[in-house]
Amino acid sequence: MTDPAKNGVPDELSVEELLRSSDHKIAAERLLLEAAANNIKRLQGHEDEPLRWFADLKFFILQVDFDITTLIAALLRHPNSRLTMEKFVALLVFETESDVGKIANGLQRSLRNPDAVTAKNFDGAKVTAALDDFKVALRPLRDDTGLRERLGIVRNTMAGHVWDGKGTRVNGSALWALSRPANGETPDAVLRDEFVKAALTLTRALGALAADLEDGFSVATHA
């Protein structure tokens, strides 16, 4: 898998540069995503767990990176779409932060299985190091309890659900509808948004994880 980080987003880019980078990345990753999806289909029913978990993780990283890049590019071109787009950016950050760990844990468990045929082709030490580095890269997001709480509110009352059955009714979505225009509807305002910043941090971390895992699984990918 081509490293998303090599086509990724540097920390400081103008809006125009960011859009050019994103367009290039979207075009390249669309083909990679299709190939990864075909690999998932091919491995359905395959009994060797390490190979399946590895394919799952490759696809997951590509899908999330592609979705976030596409959403942010659309936001920069149409900042008046913040009302809709940003809550799904927040949803992706919220869900990915936990789901990537579940898939990675499955991969590590499968590598410890002495009966797994392809486990011997994988460098377990590199896997562990890659995942440890990923945790460090995400630490600013995970340690920000306020951000995590706000992401959860968006997920539970605006993006995943509109009606909150706990008694607040549609209040969360109503407050969101008022807050987006108030925060500004320009590309620069989009890039200042805490959810967009978190998403860009996440894509950089995923890109580095993809590169490190590819290094650890270079033998397995040709098995």
C-alpha atoms as a PDB file:
ATOM      1  CA  MET A   1       0.000   0.000   0.000  1.00  0.00           C
ATOM      2  CA  THR A   2       1.355   3.407  -0.896  1.00  0.00           C
ATOM      3  CA  ASP A   3       2.048   5.439   2.214  1.00  0.00           C
ATOM      4  CA  PRO A   4      -0.745   8.007   2.648  1.00  0.00           C
ATOM      5  CA  ALA A   5       1.678  10.167   4.603  1.00  0.00           C
ATOM      6  CA  LYS A   6       3.853  10.656   1.524  1.00  0.00           C
ATOM      7  CA  ASN A   7       0.857  12.157  -0.243  1.00  0.00           C
ATOM      8  CA  GLY A   8      -0.444  13.646   2.959  1.00  0.00           C
ATOM      9  CA  VAL A   9      -0.895  17.098   4.377  1.00  0.00           C
ATOM     10  CA  PRO A  10       2.062  18.964   5.865  1.00  0.00           C
ATOM     11  CA  ASP A  11       1.405  21.002   8.983  1.00  0.00           C
ATOM     12  CA  GLU A  12       1.505  24.403   7.268  1.00  0.00           C
ATOM     13  CA  LEU A  13      -0.067  24.885   3.836  1.00  0.00           C
ATOM     14  CA  SER A  14      -2.091  27.646   2.275  1.00  0.00           C
ATOM     15  CA  VAL A  15      -5.684  26.812   1.381  1.00  0.00           C
ATOM     16  CA  GLU A  16      -4.740  26.584  -2.297  1.00  0.00           C
ATOM     17  CA  GLU A  17      -1.793  24.287  -1.573  1.00  0.00           C
ATOM     18  CA  LEU A  18      -3.902  22.160   0.711  1.00  0.00           C
ATOM     19  CA  LEU A  19      -6.539  21.725  -1.985  1.00  0.00           C
ATOM     20  CA  ARG A  20      -3.960  20.754  -4.610  1.00  0.00           C
ATOM     21  CA  SER A  21      -2.431  18.252  -2.202  1.00  0.00           C
ATOM     22  CA  SER A  22      -5.857  16.869  -1.316  1.00  0.00           C
ATOM     23  CA  ASP A  23      -6.916  16.501  -4.962  1.00  0.00           C
ATOM     24  CA  HIS A  24      -3.753  14.548  -5.742  1.00  0.00           C
ATOM     25  CA  LYS A  25      -4.215  12.384  -2.669  1.00  0.00           C
ATOM     26  CA  ILE A  26      -7.886  11.644  -3.433  1.00  0.00           C
ATOM     27  CA  ALA A  27      -7.094  10.579  -6.996  1.00  0.00           C
ATOM     28  CA  ALA A  28      -4.298   8.255  -5.862  1.00  0.00           C
ATOM     29  CA  GLU A  29      -6.111   6.793  -2.869  1.00  0.00           C
ATOM     30  CA  ARG A  30      -9.301   6.074  -4.770  1.00  0.00           C
ATOM     31  CA  LEU A  31      -7.468   3.416  -6.791  1.00  0.00           C
ATOM     32  CA  LEU A  32      -5.690   2.080  -3.720  1.00  0.00           C
ATOM     33  CA  LEU A  33      -8.973   1.886  -1.833  1.00  0.00           C
ATOM     34  CA  GLU A  34     -10.579  -0.146  -4.611  1.00  0.00           C
ATOM     35  CA  ALA A  35      -7.613  -2.525  -4.627  1.00  0.00           C
ATOM     36  CA  ALA A  36      -7.789  -2.900  -0.846  1.00  0.00           C
ATOM     37  CA  ALA A  37     -11.529  -3.604  -1.029  1.00  0.00           C
ATOM     38  CA  ASN A  38     -10.933  -6.315  -3.640  1.00  0.00           C
ATOM     39  CA  ASN A  39      -8.313  -7.799  -1.332  1.00  0.00           C
ATOM     40  CA  ILE A  40     -10.860  -7.944   1.500  1.00  0.00           C
ATOM     41  CA  LYS A  41     -13.280  -9.717  -0.825  1.00  0.00           C
ATOM     42  CA  ARG A  42     -10.600 -12.166  -1.933  1.00  0.00           C
ATOM     43  CA  LEU A  43      -9.730 -13.046   1.655  1.00  0.00           C
ATOM     44  CA  GLN A  44     -13.295 -13.742   2.776  1.00  0.00           C
ATOM     45  CA  GLY A  45     -13.317 -17.208   4.291  1.00  0.00           C
ATOM     46  CA  HIS A  46      -9.525 -17.286   4.466  1.00  0.00           C
ATOM     47  CA  GLU A  47      -8.561 -19.131   7.635  1.00  0.00           C
ATOM     48  CA  ASP A  48      -5.261 -17.374   8.234  1.00  0.00           C
ATOM     49  CA  GLU A  49      -6.101 -14.617  10.701  1.00  0.00           C
ATOM     50  CA  PRO A  50      -2.937 -12.459  10.509  1.00  0.00           C
ATOM     51  CA  LEU A  51      -3.400 -11.958   6.783  1.00  0.00           C
ATOM     52  CA  ARG A  52      -7.065 -11.033   7.200  1.00  0.00           C
ATOM     53  CA  TRP A  53      -6.436  -8.636  10.097  1.00  0.00           C
ATOM     54  CA  PHE A  54      -3.649  -6.988   8.126  1.00  0.00           C
ATOM     55  CA  ALA A  55      -5.935  -6.536   5.110  1.00  0.00           C
ATOM     56  CA  ASP A  56      -8.669  -5.153   7.364  1.00  0.00           C
ATOM     57  CA  LEU A  57      -6.307  -2.611   8.889  1.00  0.00           C
ATOM     58  CA  LYS A  58      -4.934  -1.503   5.504  1.00  0.00           C
ATOM     59  CA  PHE A  59      -8.447  -0.978   4.177  1.00  0.00           C
ATOM     60  CA  PHE A  60      -9.573   0.812   7.341  1.00  0.00           C
ATOM     61  CA  ILE A  61      -6.676   3.274   7.236  1.00  0.00           C
ATOM     62  CA  LEU A  62      -7.237   4.024   3.561  1.00  0.00           C
ATOM     63  CA  GLN A  63     -10.999   4.430   3.947  1.00  0.00           C
ATOM     64  CA  VAL A  64     -10.765   6.839   6.882  1.00  0.00           C
ATOM     65  CA  ASP A  65      -7.954   8.829   5.291  1.00  0.00           C
ATOM     66  CA  PHE A  66      -9.873   9.054   2.019  1.00  0.00           C
ATOM     67  CA  ASP A  67     -13.114  10.101   3.745  1.00  0.00           C
ATOM     68  CA  ILE A  68     -11.491  12.787   5.877  1.00  0.00           C
ATOM     69  CA  THR A  69      -9.469  14.182   2.975  1.00  0.00           C
ATOM     70  CA  THR A  70     -12.568  14.295   0.762  1.00  0.00           C
ATOM     71  CA  LEU A  71     -14.691  15.986   3.427  1.00  0.00           C
ATOM     72  CA  ILE A  72     -12.089  18.633   4.243  1.00  0.00           C
ATOM     73  CA  ALA A  73     -11.477  19.386   0.551  1.00  0.00           C
ATOM     74  CA  ALA A  74     -15.229  19.844   0.090  1.00  0.00           C
ATOM     75  CA  LEU A  75     -15.348  22.075   3.160  1.00  0.00           C
ATOM     76  CA  LEU A  76     -12.563  24.299   1.877  1.00  0.00           C
ATOM     77  CA  ARG A  77     -14.279  24.692  -1.488  1.00  0.00           C
ATOM     78  CA  HIS A  78     -17.720  25.181   0.053  1.00  0.00           C
ATOM     79  CA  PRO A  79     -17.242  26.553   3.573  1.00  0.00           C
ATOM     80  CA  ASN A  80     -20.958  27.329   3.781  1.00  0.00           C
ATOM     81  CA  SER A  81     -21.423  23.546   4.041  1.00  0.00           C
ATOM     82  CA  ARG A  82     -19.935  23.511   7.559  1.00  0.00           C
ATOM     83  CA  LEU A  83     -23.360  22.821   9.026  1.00  0.00           C
ATOM     84  CA  THR A  84     -23.369  19.369   7.427  1.00  0.00           C
ATOM     85  CA  MET A  85     -19.765  18.471   6.662  1.00  0.00           C
ATOM     86  CA  GLU A  86     -18.079  19.235   9.967  1.00  0.00           C
ATOM     87  CA  LYS A  87     -20.305  17.012  12.064  1.00  0.00           C
ATOM     88  CA  PHE A  88     -19.323  14.055   9.893  1.00  0.00           C
ATOM     89  CA  VAL A  89     -15.669  15.018  10.199  1.00  0.00           C
ATOM     90  CA  ALA A  90     -16.187  14.920  13.973  1.00  0.00           C
ATOM     91  CA  LEU A  91     -17.976  11.571  13.717  1.00  0.00           C
ATOM     92  CA  LEU A  92     -15.068  10.048  11.774  1.00  0.00           C
ATOM     93  CA  VAL A  93     -12.547  11.275  14.330  1.00  0.00           C
ATOM     94  CA  PHE A  94     -14.646   9.923  17.223  1.00  0.00           C
ATOM     95  CA  GLU A  95     -15.206   6.488  15.704  1.00  0.00           C
ATOM     96  CA  THR A  96     -11.739   6.032  14.210  1.00  0.00           C
ATOM     97  CA  GLU A  97      -9.913   6.849  17.410  1.00  0.00           C
ATOM     98  CA  SER A  98     -11.430   3.790  19.082  1.00  0.00           C
ATOM     99  CA  ASP A  99     -11.969   1.434  16.127  1.00  0.00           C
ATOM    100  CA  VAL A 100      -8.396   1.498  14.870  1.00  0.00           C
ATOM    101  CA  GLY A 101      -7.273   0.197  18.252  1.00  0.00           C
ATOM    102  CA  LYS A 102      -9.718  -2.707  18.073  1.00  0.00           C
ATOM    103  CA  ILE A 103      -8.450  -3.792  14.673  1.00  0.00           C
ATOM    104  CA  ALA A 104      -4.820  -3.381  15.712  1.00  0.00           C
ATOM    105  CA  ASN A 105      -5.408  -5.476  18.836  1.00  0.00           C
ATOM    106  CA  GLY A 106      -6.949  -8.203  16.693  1.00  0.00           C
ATOM    107  CA  LEU A 107      -3.892  -8.169  14.477  1.00  0.00           C
ATOM    108  CA  GLN A 108      -1.526  -8.450  17.422  1.00  0.00           C
ATOM    109  CA  ARG A 109      -3.523 -11.322  18.937  1.00  0.00           C
ATOM    110  CA  SER A 110      -3.429 -13.210  15.637  1.00  0.00           C
ATOM    111  CA  LEU A 111       0.337 -12.829  15.416  1.00  0.00           C
ATOM    112  CA  ARG A 112       0.692 -14.559  18.785  1.00  0.00           C
ATOM    113  CA  ASN A 113      -1.257 -17.571  17.539  1.00  0.00           C
ATOM    114  CA  PRO A 114       1.273 -20.405  17.010  1.00  0.00           C
ATOM    115  CA  ASP A 115      -1.031 -22.034  14.451  1.00  0.00           C
ATOM    116  CA  ALA A 116      -1.215 -18.957  12.198  1.00  0.00           C
ATOM    117  CA  VAL A 117       0.599 -19.880   8.999  1.00  0.00           C
ATOM    118  CA  THR A 118       1.616 -16.383   7.891  1.00  0.00           C
ATOM    119  CA  ALA A 119       2.546 -15.094  11.354  1.00  0.00           C
ATOM    120  CA  LYS A 120       6.154 -16.120  10.723  1.00  0.00           C
ATOM    121  CA  ASN A 121       6.302 -13.711   7.787  1.00  0.00           C
ATOM    122  CA  PHE A 122       5.402 -10.725   9.940  1.00  0.00           C
ATOM    123  CA  ASP A 123       7.795  -8.698  12.053  1.00  0.00           C
ATOM    124  CA  GLY A 124       6.027  -8.573  15.397  1.00  0.00           C
ATOM    125  CA  ALA A 125       8.495  -6.098  16.872  1.00  0.00           C
ATOM    126  CA  LYS A 126       7.859  -3.649  14.053  1.00  0.00           C
ATOM    127  CA  VAL A 127       4.109  -4.045  14.493  1.00  0.00           C
ATOM    128  CA  THR A 128       4.383  -3.228  18.182  1.00  0.00           C
ATOM    129  CA  ALA A 129       6.658  -0.256  17.494  1.00  0.00           C
ATOM    130  CA  ALA A 130       4.299   1.055  14.802  1.00  0.00           C
ATOM    131  CA  LEU A 131       1.297   0.869  17.090  1.00  0.00           C
ATOM    132  CA  ASP A 132       3.205   2.437  19.982  1.00  0.00           C
ATOM    133  CA  ASP A 133       4.235   5.349  17.747  1.00  0.00           C
ATOM    134  CA  PHE A 134       0.625   5.724  16.608  1.00  0.00           C
ATOM    135  CA  LYS A 135      -0.554   5.955  20.212  1.00  0.00           C
ATOM    136  CA  VAL A 136       2.016   8.665  20.875  1.00  0.00           C
ATOM    137  CA  ALA A 137       0.890  10.602  17.782  1.00  0.00           C
ATOM    138  CA  LEU A 138      -2.731  10.460  18.966  1.00  0.00           C
ATOM    139  CA  ARG A 139      -1.951  11.325  22.566  1.00  0.00           C
ATOM    140  CA  PRO A 140      -2.829  15.026  22.151  1.00  0.00           C
ATOM    141  CA  LEU A 141      -6.311  14.007  20.969  1.00  0.00           C
ATOM    142  CA  ARG A 142      -6.798  11.286  23.557  1.00  0.00           C
ATOM    143  CA  ASP A 143      -5.565  13.434  26.444  1.00  0.00           C
ATOM    144  CA  ASP A 144      -7.869  16.331  25.534  1.00  0.00           C
ATOM    145  CA  THR A 145     -10.895  15.277  27.566  1.00  0.00           C
ATOM    146  CA  GLY A 146     -12.842  18.361  26.540  1.00  0.00           C
ATOM    147  CA  LEU A 147     -12.370  17.596  22.854  1.00  0.00           C
ATOM    148  CA  ARG A 148     -13.323  13.953  23.361  1.00  0.00           C
ATOM    149  CA  GLU A 149     -16.464  15.005  25.188  1.00  0.00           C
ATOM    150  CA  ARG A 150     -17.448  17.433  22.436  1.00  0.00           C
ATOM    151  CA  LEU A 151     -16.799  14.815  19.766  1.00  0.00           C
ATOM    152  CA  GLY A 152     -19.055  12.432  21.672  1.00  0.00           C
ATOM    153  CA  ILE A 153     -21.826  15.013  21.875  1.00  0.00           C
ATOM    154  CA  VAL A 154     -21.647  15.601  18.119  1.00  0.00           C
ATOM    155  CA  ARG A 155     -21.724  11.879  17.489  1.00  0.00           C
ATOM    156  CA  ASN A 156     -24.641  11.181  19.832  1.00  0.00           C
ATOM    157  CA  THR A 157     -26.885  14.173  19.172  1.00  0.00           C
ATOM    158  CA  MET A 158     -25.974  15.546  15.750  1.00  0.00           C
ATOM    159  CA  ALA A 159     -24.227  13.084  13.410  1.00  0.00           C
ATOM    160  CA  GLY A 160     -25.146   9.602  14.626  1.00  0.00           C
ATOM    161  CA  HIS A 161     -28.510  10.726  15.984  1.00  0.00           C
ATOM    162  CA  VAL A 162     -30.537  13.918  15.701  1.00  0.00           C
ATOM    163  CA  TRP A 163     -33.134  13.114  18.349  1.00  0.00           C
ATOM    164  CA  ASP A 164     -31.668  12.560  21.810  1.00  0.00           C
ATOM    165  CA  GLY A 165     -33.840  10.154  23.751  1.00  0.00           C
ATOM    166  CA  LYS A 166     -32.318  11.246  27.067  1.00  0.00           C
ATOM    167  CA  GLY A 167     -34.507  14.321  27.287  1.00  0.00           C
ATOM    168  CA  THR A 168     -32.666  17.044  25.398  1.00  0.00           C
ATOM    169  CA  ARG A 169     -34.749  16.312  22.285  1.00  0.00           C
ATOM    170  CA  VAL A 170     -33.218  18.091  19.249  1.00  0.00           C
ATOM    171  CA  ASN A 171     -31.415  20.720  21.317  1.00  0.00           C
ATOM    172  CA  GLY A 172     -27.943  19.480  20.329  1.00  0.00           C
ATOM    173  CA  SER A 173     -28.629  19.713  16.617  1.00  0.00           C
ATOM    174  CA  ALA A 174     -30.259  23.108  17.038  1.00  0.00           C
ATOM    175  CA  LEU A 175     -27.216  24.478  18.857  1.00  0.00           C
ATOM    176  CA  TRP A 176     -24.982  23.034  16.157  1.00  0.00           C
ATOM    177  CA  ALA A 177     -27.043  24.725  13.438  1.00  0.00           C
ATOM    178  CA  LEU A 178     -26.548  28.063  15.170  1.00  0.00           C
ATOM    179  CA  SER A 179     -22.853  27.599  15.910  1.00  0.00           C
ATOM    180  CA  ARG A 180     -21.489  26.832  12.444  1.00  0.00           C
ATOM    181  CA  PRO A 181     -22.386  30.131  10.695  1.00  0.00           C
ATOM    182  CA  ALA A 182     -21.384  31.992  13.852  1.00  0.00           C
ATOM    183  CA  ASN A 183     -17.903  30.478  13.648  1.00  0.00           C
ATOM    184  CA  GLY A 184     -17.417  31.857  10.137  1.00  0.00           C
ATOM    185  CA  GLU A 185     -17.974  30.433   6.676  1.00  0.00           C
ATOM    186  CA  THR A 186     -14.558  30.923   5.083  1.00  0.00           C
ATOM    187  CA  PRO A 187     -11.774  28.411   4.311  1.00  0.00           C
ATOM    188  CA  ASP A 188      -9.593  29.939   7.030  1.00  0.00           C
ATOM    189  CA  ALA A 189     -12.404  29.536   9.549  1.00  0.00           C
ATOM    190  CA  VAL A 190     -12.738  25.888   8.550  1.00  0.00           C
ATOM    191  CA  LEU A 191      -9.033  25.267   9.184  1.00  0.00           C
ATOM    192  CA  ARG A 192      -9.322  26.869  12.635  1.00  0.00           C
ATOM    193  CA  ASP A 193     -12.088  24.470  13.661  1.00  0.00           C
ATOM    194  CA  GLU A 194     -10.984  22.063  16.407  1.00  0.00           C
ATOM    195  CA  PHE A 195     -12.632  19.054  14.727  1.00  0.00           C
ATOM    196  CA  VAL A 196     -10.912  19.750  11.413  1.00  0.00           C
ATOM    197  CA  LYS A 197      -7.581  20.191  13.215  1.00  0.00           C
ATOM    198  CA  ALA A 198      -8.137  16.877  15.006  1.00  0.00           C
ATOM    199  CA  ALA A 199      -8.973  15.181  11.704  1.00  0.00           C
ATOM    200  CA  LEU A 200      -5.760  16.439  10.081  1.00  0.00           C
ATOM    201  CA  THR A 201      -3.768  15.203  13.081  1.00  0.00           C
ATOM    202  CA  LEU A 202      -5.482  11.841  12.711  1.00  0.00           C
ATOM    203  CA  THR A 203      -4.720  11.520   8.987  1.00  0.00           C
ATOM    204  CA  ARG A 204      -1.043  12.280   9.583  1.00  0.00           C
ATOM    205  CA  ALA A 205      -0.919   9.635  12.321  1.00  0.00           C
ATOM    206  CA  LEU A 206      -2.689   7.090  10.106  1.00  0.00           C
ATOM    207  CA  GLY A 207      -0.283   7.799   7.265  1.00  0.00           C
ATOM    208  CA  ALA A 208       2.724   7.157   9.508  1.00  0.00           C
ATOM    209  CA  LEU A 209       1.089   3.988  10.856  1.00  0.00           C
ATOM    210  CA  ALA A 210       0.443   2.726   7.320  1.00  0.00           C
ATOM    211  CA  ALA A 211       4.089   3.240   6.351  1.00  0.00           C
ATOM    212  CA  ASP A 212       5.401   1.527   9.479  1.00  0.00           C
ATOM    213  CA  LEU A 213       3.047  -1.436   9.128  1.00  0.00           C
ATOM    214  CA  GLU A 214       3.933  -1.851   5.461  1.00  0.00           C
ATOM    215  CA  ASP A 215       7.544  -2.093   6.502  1.00  0.00           C
ATOM    216  CA  GLY A 216       6.697  -4.746   9.076  1.00  0.00           C
ATOM    217  CA  PHE A 217       4.509  -6.739   6.677  1.00  0.00           C
ATOM    218  CA  SER A 218       6.479  -6.423   3.455  1.00  0.00           C
ATOM    219  CA  VAL A 219       6.916 -10.190   3.242  1.00  0.00           C
ATOM    220  CA  ALA A 220       3.276 -10.923   4.026  1.00  0.00           C
ATOM    221  CA  THR A 221       1.928  -8.621   1.352  1.00  0.00           C
ATOM    222  CA  HIS A 222       3.569 -10.805  -1.277  1.00  0.00           C
ATOM    223  CA  ALA A 223       2.557 -14.098   0.311  1.00  0.00           C
END
